[in-house]
Every structure is written in structure tokens, then in C-alpha cells.
N, C-alpha and C. Protein backbone atom coordinates (compact mmCIF):
# COMPACT_ATOMS: atom_id res chain seq x y z
N MET A 1 -23.90 10.95 48.98
CA MET A 1 -23.90 9.85 48.04
C MET A 1 -24.22 10.33 46.63
N GLU A 2 -25.10 11.30 46.56
CA GLU A 2 -25.49 11.84 45.27
C GLU A 2 -24.32 12.57 44.60
N ASN A 3 -23.51 13.28 45.39
CA ASN A 3 -22.34 13.99 44.86
C ASN A 3 -21.30 13.01 44.32
N ILE A 4 -21.15 11.89 44.98
CA ILE A 4 -20.18 10.88 44.52
C ILE A 4 -20.60 10.33 43.17
N LEU A 5 -21.87 10.08 42.94
CA LEU A 5 -22.37 9.58 41.66
C LEU A 5 -22.17 10.60 40.55
N ILE A 6 -22.39 11.86 40.86
CA ILE A 6 -22.21 12.92 39.87
C ILE A 6 -20.73 13.04 39.49
N ILE A 7 -19.85 13.00 40.49
CA ILE A 7 -18.41 13.07 40.21
C ILE A 7 -17.96 11.85 39.41
N PHE A 8 -18.44 10.68 39.78
CA PHE A 8 -18.10 9.46 39.06
C PHE A 8 -18.57 9.52 37.61
N ALA A 9 -19.80 10.00 37.36
CA ALA A 9 -20.33 10.12 36.01
C ALA A 9 -19.51 11.12 35.20
N PHE A 10 -19.10 12.23 35.83
CA PHE A 10 -18.29 13.23 35.14
C PHE A 10 -16.93 12.66 34.75
N VAL A 11 -16.28 11.96 35.67
CA VAL A 11 -14.97 11.35 35.39
C VAL A 11 -15.10 10.31 34.27
N LEU A 12 -16.17 9.51 34.31
CA LEU A 12 -16.40 8.51 33.28
C LEU A 12 -16.62 9.17 31.92
N PHE A 13 -17.36 10.27 31.89
CA PHE A 13 -17.62 11.00 30.66
C PHE A 13 -16.32 11.59 30.08
N VAL A 14 -15.52 12.22 30.93
CA VAL A 14 -14.24 12.80 30.48
C VAL A 14 -13.32 11.72 29.95
N THR A 15 -13.26 10.58 30.61
CA THR A 15 -12.42 9.46 30.15
C THR A 15 -12.88 8.96 28.79
N ALA A 16 -14.18 8.84 28.60
CA ALA A 16 -14.72 8.38 27.32
C ALA A 16 -14.40 9.36 26.20
N VAL A 17 -14.51 10.66 26.47
CA VAL A 17 -14.20 11.68 25.47
C VAL A 17 -12.72 11.62 25.09
N ILE A 18 -11.85 11.45 26.07
CA ILE A 18 -10.41 11.36 25.80
C ILE A 18 -10.10 10.13 24.95
N GLU A 19 -10.72 9.00 25.25
CA GLU A 19 -10.49 7.79 24.47
C GLU A 19 -10.97 7.95 23.04
N ILE A 20 -12.16 8.52 22.84
CA ILE A 20 -12.68 8.73 21.49
C ILE A 20 -11.77 9.66 20.71
N PHE A 21 -11.34 10.72 21.34
CA PHE A 21 -10.43 11.66 20.68
C PHE A 21 -9.12 10.96 20.31
N GLY A 22 -8.60 10.17 21.20
CA GLY A 22 -7.34 9.46 20.93
C GLY A 22 -7.48 8.43 19.84
N LEU A 23 -8.59 7.74 19.77
CA LEU A 23 -8.78 6.70 18.75
C LEU A 23 -9.01 7.27 17.37
N PHE A 24 -9.83 8.31 17.26
CA PHE A 24 -10.24 8.78 15.95
C PHE A 24 -9.48 9.97 15.41
N PHE A 25 -8.85 10.73 16.24
CA PHE A 25 -8.19 11.93 15.76
C PHE A 25 -6.66 11.87 15.82
N HIS A 26 -6.12 10.91 16.50
CA HIS A 26 -4.67 10.78 16.58
C HIS A 26 -4.22 9.42 16.08
N MET A 27 -4.80 8.98 14.96
CA MET A 27 -4.39 7.72 14.37
C MET A 27 -3.00 7.91 13.76
N PRO A 28 -2.11 6.97 13.93
CA PRO A 28 -0.78 7.12 13.33
C PRO A 28 -0.88 7.08 11.82
N TYR A 29 -0.14 7.95 11.15
CA TYR A 29 -0.15 8.02 9.71
C TYR A 29 1.14 7.41 9.17
N SER A 30 0.99 6.54 8.23
CA SER A 30 2.14 5.94 7.58
C SER A 30 2.05 6.22 6.08
N PRO A 31 3.08 6.82 5.48
CA PRO A 31 3.00 7.14 4.06
C PRO A 31 3.07 5.90 3.16
N THR A 32 3.51 4.79 3.68
CA THR A 32 3.58 3.59 2.87
C THR A 32 2.37 2.70 3.12
N ALA A 33 1.96 2.02 2.10
CA ALA A 33 0.83 1.11 2.24
C ALA A 33 1.27 -0.13 3.01
N PRO A 34 0.35 -0.77 3.73
CA PRO A 34 0.72 -1.94 4.51
C PRO A 34 0.91 -3.19 3.65
N TYR A 35 0.69 -3.09 2.37
CA TYR A 35 0.86 -4.23 1.50
C TYR A 35 1.45 -3.77 0.17
N VAL A 36 1.96 -4.70 -0.59
CA VAL A 36 2.55 -4.42 -1.89
C VAL A 36 2.05 -5.47 -2.86
N THR A 37 1.71 -5.05 -4.06
CA THR A 37 1.33 -5.97 -5.12
C THR A 37 2.49 -6.08 -6.09
N VAL A 38 2.90 -7.30 -6.38
CA VAL A 38 4.01 -7.53 -7.31
C VAL A 38 3.43 -8.17 -8.57
N LEU A 39 3.69 -7.54 -9.71
CA LEU A 39 3.21 -8.05 -11.00
C LEU A 39 4.40 -8.41 -11.87
N PRO A 40 4.65 -9.70 -12.09
CA PRO A 40 5.74 -10.09 -12.99
C PRO A 40 5.31 -9.95 -14.45
N VAL A 41 6.25 -9.55 -15.30
CA VAL A 41 5.95 -9.36 -16.72
C VAL A 41 6.82 -10.32 -17.52
N PHE A 42 6.14 -11.27 -18.19
CA PHE A 42 6.81 -12.23 -19.06
C PHE A 42 6.36 -12.00 -20.49
N GLY A 43 7.25 -12.18 -21.44
CA GLY A 43 6.95 -11.93 -22.84
C GLY A 43 5.88 -12.83 -23.42
N ASN A 44 5.74 -14.03 -22.93
CA ASN A 44 4.77 -14.96 -23.50
C ASN A 44 3.41 -14.91 -22.82
N ASP A 45 3.15 -13.90 -21.99
CA ASP A 45 1.87 -13.75 -21.29
C ASP A 45 0.86 -13.12 -22.25
N LEU A 46 -0.05 -13.93 -22.76
CA LEU A 46 -1.01 -13.45 -23.75
C LEU A 46 -2.12 -12.60 -23.15
N ILE A 47 -2.40 -12.76 -21.88
CA ILE A 47 -3.48 -11.99 -21.26
C ILE A 47 -2.94 -10.88 -20.34
N PHE A 48 -1.73 -10.43 -20.60
CA PHE A 48 -1.13 -9.39 -19.77
C PHE A 48 -1.96 -8.10 -19.76
N PRO A 49 -2.47 -7.63 -20.90
CA PRO A 49 -3.29 -6.40 -20.84
C PRO A 49 -4.50 -6.53 -19.92
N GLU A 50 -5.13 -7.70 -19.91
CA GLU A 50 -6.28 -7.91 -19.02
C GLU A 50 -5.84 -7.92 -17.55
N ARG A 51 -4.68 -8.51 -17.28
CA ARG A 51 -4.16 -8.51 -15.90
C ARG A 51 -3.89 -7.09 -15.42
N LEU A 52 -3.28 -6.31 -16.28
CA LEU A 52 -2.96 -4.92 -15.93
C LEU A 52 -4.24 -4.10 -15.73
N GLU A 53 -5.24 -4.35 -16.55
CA GLU A 53 -6.51 -3.63 -16.41
C GLU A 53 -7.22 -4.00 -15.10
N LYS A 54 -7.23 -5.28 -14.75
CA LYS A 54 -7.85 -5.70 -13.50
C LYS A 54 -7.10 -5.12 -12.30
N LEU A 55 -5.77 -5.06 -12.40
CA LEU A 55 -4.96 -4.47 -11.33
C LEU A 55 -5.26 -2.98 -11.19
N ALA A 56 -5.45 -2.29 -12.30
CA ALA A 56 -5.78 -0.86 -12.26
C ALA A 56 -7.13 -0.64 -11.60
N ILE A 57 -8.09 -1.49 -11.89
CA ILE A 57 -9.41 -1.35 -11.27
C ILE A 57 -9.34 -1.65 -9.78
N LYS A 58 -8.60 -2.69 -9.42
CA LYS A 58 -8.49 -3.09 -8.01
C LYS A 58 -7.75 -2.05 -7.18
N SER A 59 -6.70 -1.48 -7.75
CA SER A 59 -5.86 -0.56 -6.97
C SER A 59 -6.51 0.80 -6.80
N GLY A 60 -7.33 1.22 -7.72
CA GLY A 60 -7.96 2.53 -7.60
C GLY A 60 -6.97 3.67 -7.72
N GLY A 61 -5.77 3.41 -8.19
CA GLY A 61 -4.76 4.45 -8.39
C GLY A 61 -3.92 4.77 -7.18
N ARG A 62 -4.19 4.19 -6.00
CA ARG A 62 -3.43 4.53 -4.81
C ARG A 62 -3.04 3.31 -4.00
N SER A 63 -2.30 2.40 -4.59
CA SER A 63 -1.73 1.31 -3.82
C SER A 63 -0.33 1.04 -4.35
N ARG A 64 0.50 0.50 -3.53
CA ARG A 64 1.91 0.26 -3.88
C ARG A 64 1.98 -0.95 -4.79
N ILE A 65 2.43 -0.75 -6.02
CA ILE A 65 2.54 -1.82 -7.00
C ILE A 65 3.97 -1.84 -7.53
N ILE A 66 4.54 -3.04 -7.57
CA ILE A 66 5.88 -3.22 -8.15
C ILE A 66 5.72 -4.08 -9.39
N ILE A 67 6.08 -3.53 -10.54
CA ILE A 67 6.06 -4.28 -11.80
C ILE A 67 7.48 -4.77 -12.04
N VAL A 68 7.62 -6.08 -12.20
CA VAL A 68 8.95 -6.68 -12.35
C VAL A 68 9.12 -7.15 -13.78
N TYR A 69 10.12 -6.60 -14.46
CA TYR A 69 10.43 -7.01 -15.83
C TYR A 69 11.28 -8.28 -15.80
N TYR A 70 10.75 -9.37 -16.32
CA TYR A 70 11.53 -10.59 -16.52
C TYR A 70 11.92 -10.71 -18.00
N SER A 71 10.93 -10.69 -18.88
CA SER A 71 11.21 -10.74 -20.31
C SER A 71 10.08 -10.04 -21.07
N PRO A 72 9.90 -8.74 -20.85
CA PRO A 72 8.77 -8.04 -21.49
C PRO A 72 9.04 -7.74 -22.96
N ASP A 73 7.96 -7.72 -23.76
CA ASP A 73 8.12 -7.25 -25.14
C ASP A 73 7.81 -5.75 -25.18
N ASP A 74 7.91 -5.13 -26.35
CA ASP A 74 7.75 -3.68 -26.46
C ASP A 74 6.34 -3.22 -26.08
N MET A 75 5.32 -3.99 -26.48
CA MET A 75 3.95 -3.62 -26.15
C MET A 75 3.73 -3.63 -24.64
N GLN A 76 4.26 -4.64 -23.96
CA GLN A 76 4.12 -4.73 -22.52
C GLN A 76 4.84 -3.57 -21.82
N LYS A 77 6.00 -3.19 -22.33
CA LYS A 77 6.72 -2.06 -21.75
C LYS A 77 5.92 -0.77 -21.88
N ARG A 78 5.31 -0.55 -23.06
CA ARG A 78 4.49 0.65 -23.25
C ARG A 78 3.29 0.66 -22.32
N LEU A 79 2.64 -0.50 -22.18
CA LEU A 79 1.49 -0.60 -21.27
C LEU A 79 1.90 -0.31 -19.83
N CYS A 80 3.05 -0.84 -19.41
CA CYS A 80 3.52 -0.62 -18.04
C CYS A 80 3.88 0.84 -17.80
N GLU A 81 4.50 1.48 -18.78
CA GLU A 81 4.85 2.90 -18.63
C GLU A 81 3.60 3.76 -18.53
N GLN A 82 2.58 3.43 -19.34
CA GLN A 82 1.32 4.16 -19.26
C GLN A 82 0.65 3.94 -17.90
N PHE A 83 0.71 2.70 -17.43
CA PHE A 83 0.14 2.37 -16.12
C PHE A 83 0.82 3.18 -15.03
N CYS A 84 2.14 3.33 -15.11
CA CYS A 84 2.90 4.10 -14.11
C CYS A 84 2.52 5.57 -14.12
N MET A 85 2.22 6.12 -15.30
CA MET A 85 1.81 7.52 -15.36
C MET A 85 0.46 7.72 -14.68
N ASN A 86 -0.42 6.73 -14.76
CA ASN A 86 -1.75 6.85 -14.17
C ASN A 86 -1.78 6.45 -12.69
N ASN A 87 -0.78 5.71 -12.24
CA ASN A 87 -0.72 5.24 -10.85
C ASN A 87 0.61 5.68 -10.24
N PRO A 88 0.60 6.76 -9.47
CA PRO A 88 1.86 7.34 -8.98
C PRO A 88 2.64 6.47 -8.00
N ASP A 89 2.02 5.47 -7.40
CA ASP A 89 2.71 4.62 -6.42
C ASP A 89 3.30 3.37 -7.06
N THR A 90 3.33 3.31 -8.37
CA THR A 90 3.83 2.14 -9.08
C THR A 90 5.30 2.32 -9.42
N VAL A 91 6.06 1.23 -9.27
CA VAL A 91 7.49 1.23 -9.56
C VAL A 91 7.77 0.08 -10.54
N ILE A 92 8.60 0.36 -11.54
CA ILE A 92 9.03 -0.70 -12.47
C ILE A 92 10.48 -1.03 -12.15
N VAL A 93 10.75 -2.32 -11.93
CA VAL A 93 12.12 -2.75 -11.62
C VAL A 93 12.47 -3.95 -12.48
N SER A 94 13.76 -4.19 -12.60
CA SER A 94 14.21 -5.40 -13.27
C SER A 94 14.21 -6.55 -12.27
N SER A 95 14.27 -7.75 -12.77
CA SER A 95 14.21 -8.91 -11.87
C SER A 95 15.42 -8.95 -10.93
N GLU A 96 16.54 -8.38 -11.35
CA GLU A 96 17.73 -8.38 -10.50
C GLU A 96 17.57 -7.45 -9.30
N ASN A 97 16.77 -6.39 -9.44
CA ASN A 97 16.61 -5.41 -8.36
C ASN A 97 15.41 -5.67 -7.47
N LEU A 98 14.66 -6.75 -7.73
CA LEU A 98 13.45 -7.02 -6.96
C LEU A 98 13.75 -7.23 -5.48
N GLU A 99 14.76 -8.01 -5.17
CA GLU A 99 15.09 -8.29 -3.76
C GLU A 99 15.44 -7.01 -3.02
N LYS A 100 16.19 -6.14 -3.67
CA LYS A 100 16.59 -4.88 -3.04
C LYS A 100 15.37 -4.00 -2.76
N ILE A 101 14.47 -3.90 -3.72
CA ILE A 101 13.26 -3.08 -3.55
C ILE A 101 12.38 -3.64 -2.45
N LEU A 102 12.20 -4.96 -2.41
CA LEU A 102 11.37 -5.57 -1.37
C LEU A 102 11.98 -5.39 0.01
N SER A 103 13.31 -5.51 0.11
CA SER A 103 13.94 -5.33 1.42
C SER A 103 13.82 -3.88 1.89
N GLU A 104 13.88 -2.92 0.97
CA GLU A 104 13.69 -1.52 1.34
C GLU A 104 12.24 -1.24 1.72
N THR A 105 11.31 -1.85 0.99
CA THR A 105 9.89 -1.62 1.23
C THR A 105 9.47 -2.14 2.60
N PHE A 106 9.94 -3.32 2.96
CA PHE A 106 9.53 -3.93 4.21
C PHE A 106 10.57 -3.77 5.31
N ALA A 107 11.60 -2.97 5.08
CA ALA A 107 12.64 -2.67 6.06
C ALA A 107 13.28 -3.94 6.59
N ILE A 108 13.66 -4.81 5.66
CA ILE A 108 14.32 -6.06 6.02
C ILE A 108 15.82 -5.84 5.96
N ASP A 109 16.50 -6.25 6.99
CA ASP A 109 17.96 -6.13 7.04
C ASP A 109 18.56 -7.14 6.06
N GLU A 110 19.49 -6.70 5.22
CA GLU A 110 20.07 -7.57 4.21
C GLU A 110 21.01 -8.61 4.79
N GLN A 111 21.41 -8.48 6.07
CA GLN A 111 22.34 -9.44 6.68
C GLN A 111 21.63 -10.68 7.21
N MET A 112 20.33 -10.73 7.12
CA MET A 112 19.56 -11.87 7.67
C MET A 112 19.85 -13.12 6.92
């Protein structure tokens, strides 16, 4: 009876070690973030610099951000270009290309 308990404890221990190893060391890696932030840019947005600054603080430089140009002025374009240099996962698109970028990002079939 004592041998059966020892064997059972050993099997339980080995199973627990395998589960811990599988959970913590073989996590699937995905190069894309599970979410996307979309920031529309309109020319009459008076607080756009503050929005961009808050987004920079929130993102920490490593989140997928899509900046969509609807009617940006020159200052907003310069701010967005600077933001893209500091945040490598940021993409600037025109409003016409937004649907295409979102469908590629989320792997949505265009025939739906």
C-alpha cells in the first residue's frame, strides 16, 4: 500500500511539472497585438495635441495604433509623423484605406 502511494505521488508530481512547463514556457506568441487603437484626425480638432499625448502615454510605445487622416492640417500631420517615429507600431492611413487596413489587421474576408 505504501508503494502505491509513493508511485501515485510521483505521477502527480510529474503531471504538475509538465502542466506548469506547458503553461508558462510554451505560451503561443503572436506578433500582432490583440487590439488596435484608431485615432481619427480632423482639421477642426482643437485638442488634438493633447489627445495624441495621452495616447502616447497610454500606449507606452508598443501598441498597434492606426491614425486615420480625414481632414488634417499641416501641424497635425507633423505631430502624427513625429508620433510614428517614436512609436514603431503606428500606421498612418487615409480614410479611404481604413477598411482595407482593418480587414487585414483582423483577418476579415472582404467577401463577407
